[in-house]
Amino acid sequence: MIKLILFFLLIIPFSVYAQSTTENGYLEKDSITQKGFTLIYINKSESFDPAVGQKLKDTFFKVYPPMVKKYNKKSARKVTFLIDPAYDGVAATSSDRVIYNPDWFRRNPNDIDVVTHEVMHIVQAYGRTPGPWWVTEGIADYVRYEFGVANAEGNWSLPDVNEKQNYDNSYRVTARFFAWIVKNKDKKFIEKMDKAMRDHQYTDEIWVKLTGKNPADLWKEYLTNPEI
């Protein structure tokens, strides 16, 4: 009986470990620290190209520290990247964790600045901001435009302007509008809007305060001369 008990005491830790490994399901886990920033990199995809994975890691350390310095010095110092074949979007960020779809990078191996957009969401840290989602995504794509390391290689650029667009289309359309505002109205516009969103101080009146016009009137002016 004692031998049987000892046998189960020996086998239980192994069983728990095996179960844990199966549930986690990762093939690679790495922790990298550089200059006070740590990236936890977890890969669950057997077919994910390690060269692409290395580019994701390298891009994080190229863009995240300067973004933190410019926009939000209180940003997380430890970030997790998860490569998960069960996720069918492109990428998504929650708190200090970014999940990536490996199939996207199989089809678009040079679209590395997805990292730049997503980690800006970590820097933004807006929580339950009253500000609109199109401002959130417009800022993130503006920062991709600003800090991106391989936008051209990834076939990503700010779009040409056309009359079917509107300032609240979000993503690249809004990012280009923001770039025009930075050039023509206020060089610190993104920093100020980003802080207002994070501090939950966004109101419609902030546009007049920062630029002298509401967004609709700014857009009309933008359409007359959209050069950036």
Foldseek 3Di string as FASTA:
>chain_A
DVVVVVVCVVVVVVVVVVVVCVVVQWPDWDWDDDPQAIETETENDPPQDVVLVVLLVVLCVQQVVVLCVQANVPFDRYAYEYADCVDDDAWADDQRYIYGHSVVCVVQVQLSLVSQLHVVLRSLQLPPAPDDVLLSQLLSLLRCVVRPDRCVSSVHDQDDDDPVDACSPHHRPVVLLVVQCCVPFNVCVSNVVSVCSNVSNDDQCVCCVRGVDGRVVSVVVCVVPVDD
